[in-house]
Amino acid sequence: MTWDIVGKRKWFLVLSAILLIPGVVSLLIPPSLTLGLEFSSGSALEVRFQEQVEFTESDVRLVLDSMNHPEAIIQVTGDNGLLLRTDTLQEAIGDRPSEQSQIRDALTEQIGPLTPEGFSFESVSPVVARETVVRTIWASVAATIGILIYVTWAFRNVPNPVRYGLAAIVALVHDVVIVIGIFSILGKVLGIEVDVIFMVGLLTIAGYSVNDTIVVFDRIRENVARSVNQDRPLPDVINASLLESMARSLNTSLTTMLVIVALLLIGGSTIVPFLLVLACGVVIGTYSSMFVASQFLVMWDRGELRRLLPRRRQAT
């Protein structure tokens, strides 16, 4: 008995809506994302005290309040460490030491000594943060346009090749929005930040999603060419193509997930957000290539997308 994947496309669209809605709602609630230093500007200080030092978050808060930084975000980390986020700290001016040096000295005097390498500092100005945001947006737009052009050109021998390009973009946007929504929720619940590494992961899963979609589309193209003289409906061709390519897609995703899980177990904490992006992207990308992009082709071929527009006009 053949599994009618195409016939159940409405259920897959409902599942996509269920995955999308919580993240979209979270994005609509300010702050949409917990932005990292590269996007929000400010200063980050990583502090590590010696093992015998005992302190609480309240102790650190008192020190920072006395340094005129009540806005500081304090996060206690393992190994007797702290991660501090403040507004942009001032550099040294003449004989006046920098604010980072003053904070380090105050923490040492009022709480306890630091380890030999127990202090690191990073600062990003608002101008640099704005430039990073603008460049990220332009990079995403350029990548999307490039993908559309490439997929349309690659499937130029298939009827209506632009549909394949647009279907790949629909699946890509579907994956990206779900992942961003997940990190919006994680930012509100666990304080996980969105930084440049997150954007690298997002572009990586975009490439993975498009690659998996092209694999499925390539099988559809082969079967369309074979069925030219058979007068076989496109939905039947797509359903057969999905069944033929499903094992390959699942095996590829499984082996990729095994590597990601291994890196999560042996890698450092600094790459955990990046790996979480990849893990979410692999699962969602595999789903969308089979159950979103291909269903978009079927809906377009059957005129289901066009039928949505008159209903909208009547409703308005």
Protein backbone atom coordinates (compact mmCIF):
# COMPACT_ATOMS: atom_id res chain seq x y z
CA MET A 1 0.00 0.00 0.00
CA THR A 2 1.42 3.38 -1.03
CA TRP A 3 1.43 6.19 1.51
CA ASP A 4 -0.47 9.15 0.09
CA ILE A 5 1.73 11.99 1.37
CA VAL A 6 0.35 14.56 -1.04
CA GLY A 7 -3.23 13.75 -0.07
CA LYS A 8 -2.47 14.63 3.55
CA ARG A 9 -0.88 18.01 2.75
CA LYS A 10 -3.50 19.92 4.77
CA TRP A 11 -2.40 18.09 7.91
CA PHE A 12 1.23 18.99 7.25
CA LEU A 13 0.25 22.63 6.79
CA VAL A 14 -1.62 22.50 10.10
CA LEU A 15 1.50 21.05 11.77
CA SER A 16 3.60 23.85 10.28
CA ALA A 17 1.15 26.39 11.70
CA ILE A 18 1.42 24.76 15.13
CA LEU A 19 5.22 25.03 14.94
CA LEU A 20 5.13 28.62 13.69
CA ILE A 21 2.50 30.24 15.92
CA PRO A 22 4.23 30.01 19.36
CA GLY A 23 7.45 31.49 17.96
CA VAL A 24 5.64 34.26 16.08
CA VAL A 25 3.68 35.16 19.23
CA SER A 26 6.93 35.25 21.21
CA LEU A 27 8.50 37.50 18.57
CA LEU A 28 5.58 39.91 18.89
CA ILE A 29 6.17 40.23 22.65
CA PRO A 30 9.01 42.72 23.38
CA PRO A 31 11.85 42.09 23.47
CA SER A 32 11.47 39.89 20.40
CA LEU A 33 14.95 38.40 20.82
CA THR A 34 17.59 38.54 23.52
CA LEU A 35 20.27 40.25 21.47
CA GLY A 36 23.94 39.56 21.98
CA LEU A 37 26.59 42.22 22.29
CA GLU A 38 27.21 42.46 18.53
CA PHE A 39 23.62 43.52 17.87
CA SER A 40 22.68 45.49 20.98
CA SER A 41 25.90 47.39 21.78
CA GLY A 42 27.34 47.68 25.28
CA SER A 43 30.08 45.95 27.25
CA ALA A 44 30.51 42.38 28.45
CA LEU A 45 32.81 41.37 31.28
CA GLU A 46 33.67 37.81 32.21
CA VAL A 47 34.95 37.48 35.76
CA ARG A 48 36.25 34.41 37.61
CA PHE A 49 37.08 34.48 41.30
CA GLN A 50 39.46 32.15 43.07
CA GLU A 51 37.94 28.96 44.51
CA GLN A 52 37.90 30.10 48.16
CA VAL A 53 35.86 33.23 47.36
CA GLU A 54 32.18 33.04 48.26
CA PHE A 55 29.67 35.54 46.89
CA THR A 56 26.06 36.02 45.87
CA GLU A 57 24.43 37.90 43.04
CA SER A 58 23.33 40.53 45.57
CA ASP A 59 26.96 41.15 46.54
CA VAL A 60 27.87 41.81 42.92
CA ARG A 61 24.79 44.02 42.46
CA LEU A 62 25.89 46.24 45.35
CA VAL A 63 29.32 46.71 43.78
CA LEU A 64 27.91 47.62 40.37
CA ASP A 65 25.31 49.97 41.87
CA SER A 66 28.12 51.81 43.64
CA MET A 67 29.88 52.10 40.26
CA ASN A 68 26.76 53.77 38.76
CA HIS A 69 25.74 50.74 36.72
CA PRO A 70 22.32 49.70 38.05
CA GLU A 71 21.37 48.56 34.52
CA ALA A 72 23.94 45.74 34.64
CA ILE A 73 22.76 42.21 33.91
CA ILE A 74 24.45 39.68 36.19
CA GLN A 75 24.69 35.99 35.37
CA VAL A 76 26.47 33.61 37.74
CA THR A 77 28.31 30.88 35.84
CA GLY A 78 30.12 27.72 36.84
CA ASP A 79 33.64 27.62 38.31
CA ASN A 80 33.00 30.65 40.55
CA GLY A 81 32.47 32.93 37.55
CA LEU A 82 30.31 35.85 36.50
CA LEU A 83 29.10 37.22 33.21
CA LEU A 84 28.26 40.93 33.38
CA ARG A 85 26.47 43.02 30.74
CA THR A 86 26.47 46.81 31.05
CA ASP A 87 26.06 49.91 28.93
CA THR A 88 29.19 50.82 26.96
CA LEU A 89 31.99 51.42 29.46
CA GLN A 90 34.24 54.46 29.11
CA GLU A 91 37.86 54.12 28.15
CA ALA A 92 40.71 55.66 30.14
CA ILE A 93 40.91 59.44 29.87
CA GLY A 94 44.18 61.05 30.98
CA ASP A 95 44.97 59.94 34.53
CA ARG A 96 41.48 58.54 34.97
CA PRO A 97 41.45 54.73 34.62
CA SER A 98 38.94 52.98 32.40
CA GLU A 99 35.62 51.89 33.84
CA GLN A 100 36.43 48.24 33.25
CA SER A 101 39.56 48.60 35.40
CA GLN A 102 37.54 50.34 38.11
CA ILE A 103 34.96 47.52 38.12
CA ARG A 104 37.68 44.87 38.26
CA ASP A 105 39.40 46.62 41.19
CA ALA A 106 36.10 47.10 43.02
CA LEU A 107 35.16 43.43 42.63
CA THR A 108 38.60 42.38 43.86
CA GLU A 109 38.47 44.65 46.89
CA GLN A 110 34.87 44.07 47.96
CA ILE A 111 34.34 40.40 47.02
CA GLY A 112 37.68 38.66 46.61
CA PRO A 113 40.72 37.97 44.43
CA LEU A 114 40.38 36.84 40.83
CA THR A 115 42.18 33.97 39.15
CA PRO A 116 45.30 34.93 37.11
CA GLU A 117 43.23 34.91 33.91
CA GLY A 118 39.93 35.69 35.57
CA PHE A 119 38.95 38.86 33.74
CA SER A 120 38.06 39.46 30.11
CA PHE A 121 36.37 42.43 28.48
CA GLU A 122 34.54 43.09 25.23
CA SER A 123 32.75 46.22 24.07
CA VAL A 124 30.71 47.15 20.99
CA SER A 125 29.63 50.69 20.19
CA PRO A 126 26.07 51.49 19.03
CA VAL A 127 27.40 52.44 15.58
CA VAL A 128 29.10 49.07 15.11
CA ALA A 129 26.00 47.26 16.40
CA ARG A 130 23.78 49.07 13.86
CA GLU A 131 26.21 48.25 11.05
CA THR A 132 26.19 44.59 12.06
CA VAL A 133 22.38 44.49 11.96
CA VAL A 134 22.27 46.18 8.53
CA ARG A 135 24.93 43.87 7.08
CA THR A 136 23.14 40.82 8.45
CA ILE A 137 19.87 41.88 6.82
CA TRP A 138 21.55 42.55 3.46
CA ALA A 139 23.42 39.22 3.61
CA SER A 140 20.12 37.39 4.24
CA VAL A 141 18.34 39.21 1.38
CA ALA A 142 21.23 38.54 -1.01
CA ALA A 143 21.31 34.85 -0.05
CA THR A 144 17.55 34.52 -0.60
CA ILE A 145 17.69 36.15 -4.04
CA GLY A 146 20.67 34.01 -5.01
CA ILE A 147 18.86 30.84 -3.98
CA LEU A 148 15.77 31.81 -5.98
CA ILE A 149 17.82 32.50 -9.11
CA TYR A 150 19.92 29.34 -8.77
CA VAL A 151 17.01 26.94 -8.18
CA THR A 152 15.00 28.48 -11.03
CA TRP A 153 17.99 28.12 -13.36
CA ALA A 154 18.81 24.57 -12.20
CA PHE A 155 15.25 23.42 -12.99
CA ARG A 156 14.91 25.38 -16.24
CA ASN A 157 14.09 22.20 -18.19
CA VAL A 158 11.03 21.51 -16.03
CA PRO A 159 7.67 23.22 -16.73
CA ASN A 160 7.27 26.38 -14.63
CA PRO A 161 10.80 26.35 -13.12
CA VAL A 162 10.15 29.54 -11.14
CA ARG A 163 7.69 27.59 -9.03
CA TYR A 164 10.53 25.38 -7.81
CA GLY A 165 12.57 28.44 -6.87
CA LEU A 166 9.66 30.02 -4.99
CA ALA A 167 8.83 26.71 -3.27
CA ALA A 168 12.42 26.46 -2.04
CA ILE A 169 12.17 30.02 -0.67
CA VAL A 170 8.86 29.23 1.06
CA ALA A 171 10.47 26.22 2.78
CA LEU A 172 13.53 28.33 3.67
CA VAL A 173 11.45 31.11 5.24
CA HIS A 174 9.37 28.46 7.04
CA ASP A 175 12.53 26.96 8.60
CA VAL A 176 14.15 30.27 9.50
CA VAL A 177 11.04 31.70 11.15
CA ILE A 178 10.54 28.56 13.24
CA VAL A 179 14.18 28.56 14.42
CA ILE A 180 14.11 32.29 15.22
CA GLY A 181 10.84 31.76 17.09
CA ILE A 182 12.38 28.93 19.12
CA PHE A 183 15.29 31.18 20.11
CA SER A 184 12.88 33.99 20.95
CA ILE A 185 11.23 31.65 23.45
CA LEU A 186 14.59 30.36 24.74
CA GLY A 187 15.78 33.95 25.17
CA LYS A 188 12.78 34.82 27.33
CA VAL A 189 12.94 31.59 29.36
CA LEU A 190 16.67 30.79 29.57
CA GLY A 191 18.31 34.06 28.54
CA ILE A 192 19.96 32.55 25.43
CA GLU A 193 21.28 35.39 23.27
CA VAL A 194 21.19 35.87 19.53
CA ASP A 195 24.66 36.84 18.30
CA VAL A 196 26.84 36.59 15.22
CA ILE A 197 27.41 32.87 15.84
CA PHE A 198 23.64 32.42 15.81
CA MET A 199 23.48 34.14 12.42
CA VAL A 200 26.23 31.85 11.10
CA GLY A 201 24.17 28.89 12.28
CA LEU A 202 21.06 30.35 10.67
CA LEU A 203 22.78 30.74 7.31
CA THR A 204 24.17 27.20 7.68
CA ILE A 205 20.74 25.66 8.18
CA ALA A 206 19.42 27.77 5.31
CA GLY A 207 21.98 26.09 3.07
CA TYR A 208 21.12 22.68 4.53
CA SER A 209 17.40 23.25 4.00
CA VAL A 210 17.84 24.35 0.39
CA ASN A 211 20.19 21.43 -0.31
CA ASP A 212 17.68 18.92 1.06
CA THR A 213 14.88 20.58 -0.90
CA ILE A 214 16.91 20.41 -4.13
CA VAL A 215 17.53 16.68 -3.55
CA VAL A 216 13.77 16.10 -3.39
CA PHE A 217 13.12 18.40 -6.35
CA ASP A 218 15.78 16.62 -8.39
CA ARG A 219 13.94 13.34 -7.94
CA ILE A 220 10.70 15.08 -8.95
CA ARG A 221 12.44 16.41 -12.08
CA GLU A 222 13.62 12.92 -13.04
CA ASN A 223 10.16 11.45 -12.60
CA VAL A 224 8.52 14.32 -14.49
CA ALA A 225 10.81 13.60 -17.45
CA ARG A 226 9.96 9.90 -17.32
CA SER A 227 6.21 10.51 -17.16
CA VAL A 228 6.02 12.88 -20.16
CA ASN A 229 4.45 10.21 -22.37
CA GLN A 230 2.39 8.67 -19.56
CA ASP A 231 0.15 11.68 -18.94
CA ARG A 232 0.70 11.19 -15.21
CA PRO A 233 -0.67 13.96 -12.92
CA LEU A 234 2.00 16.02 -11.15
CA PRO A 235 0.65 15.22 -7.64
CA ASP A 236 1.17 11.50 -8.34
CA VAL A 237 4.70 12.17 -9.61
CA ILE A 238 5.53 14.23 -6.53
CA ASN A 239 4.10 11.61 -4.17
CA ALA A 240 6.21 8.89 -5.79
CA SER A 241 9.29 11.12 -5.69
CA LEU A 242 8.83 11.81 -1.99
CA LEU A 243 8.58 8.12 -1.20
CA GLU A 244 11.72 7.41 -3.22
CA SER A 245 13.79 10.18 -1.63
CA MET A 246 12.51 9.90 1.94
CA ALA A 247 14.97 7.24 3.09
CA ARG A 248 17.95 9.20 1.78
CA SER A 249 16.82 12.44 3.44
CA LEU A 250 16.14 10.75 6.77
CA ASN A 251 19.48 8.92 6.75
CA THR A 252 21.36 12.14 5.97
CA SER A 253 19.56 13.99 8.76
CA LEU A 254 20.15 11.18 11.24
CA THR A 255 23.90 11.05 10.61
CA THR A 256 24.10 14.85 10.84
CA MET A 257 22.22 14.81 14.15
CA LEU A 258 24.61 12.18 15.54
CA VAL A 259 27.54 14.51 14.85
CA ILE A 260 25.72 17.46 16.43
CA VAL A 261 24.86 15.43 19.55
CA ALA A 262 28.50 14.31 19.83
CA LEU A 263 29.66 17.94 19.64
CA LEU A 264 27.12 18.91 22.28
CA LEU A 265 28.55 16.27 24.60
CA ILE A 266 32.25 17.02 24.08
CA GLY A 267 32.23 20.65 22.95
CA GLY A 268 32.49 23.72 25.12
CA SER A 269 29.61 25.88 26.29
CA THR A 270 30.51 28.63 23.80
CA ILE A 271 29.33 26.56 20.81
CA VAL A 272 26.11 25.26 22.40
CA PRO A 273 23.84 27.99 20.88
CA PHE A 274 25.37 27.33 17.45
CA LEU A 275 24.77 23.59 17.79
CA LEU A 276 21.20 24.17 18.99
CA VAL A 277 20.55 26.21 15.84
CA LEU A 278 21.94 23.39 13.70
CA ALA A 279 19.93 20.71 15.53
CA CYS A 280 16.66 22.63 15.13
CA GLY A 281 17.49 23.45 11.51
CA VAL A 282 18.30 19.87 10.53
CA VAL A 283 15.03 18.50 11.91
CA ILE A 284 12.85 21.29 10.55
CA GLY A 285 14.72 21.45 7.22
CA THR A 286 14.19 17.75 6.60
CA TYR A 287 10.50 18.12 7.38
CA SER A 288 10.01 21.19 5.19
CA SER A 289 11.77 19.76 2.13
CA MET A 290 9.32 16.87 2.00
CA PHE A 291 6.15 18.21 3.55
CA VAL A 292 6.23 21.96 2.80
CA ALA A 293 8.17 22.72 -0.39
CA SER A 294 6.77 19.79 -2.36
CA GLN A 295 3.22 20.42 -1.11
CA PHE A 296 3.56 24.03 -2.26
CA LEU A 297 4.20 22.72 -5.79
CA VAL A 298 1.09 20.55 -5.62
CA MET A 299 -1.10 23.37 -4.32
CA TRP A 300 0.14 25.67 -7.08
CA ASP A 301 -0.41 23.02 -9.77
CA ARG A 302 -3.96 22.32 -8.57
CA GLY A 303 -4.82 26.01 -8.33
CA GLU A 304 -5.33 25.90 -4.57
CA LEU A 305 -3.16 28.96 -4.04
CA ARG A 306 -5.17 31.00 -6.56
CA ARG A 307 -8.43 30.01 -4.92
CA LEU A 308 -7.28 31.58 -1.66
CA LEU A 309 -7.11 35.06 -3.20
CA PRO A 310 -10.82 35.46 -4.24
CA ARG A 311 -11.88 34.31 -0.76
CA ARG A 312 -9.73 37.01 0.75
CA ARG A 313 -11.25 39.67 -1.48
CA GLN A 314 -14.77 38.53 -0.64
CA ALA A 315 -13.96 38.56 3.05
CA THR A 316 -12.72 42.16 2.81
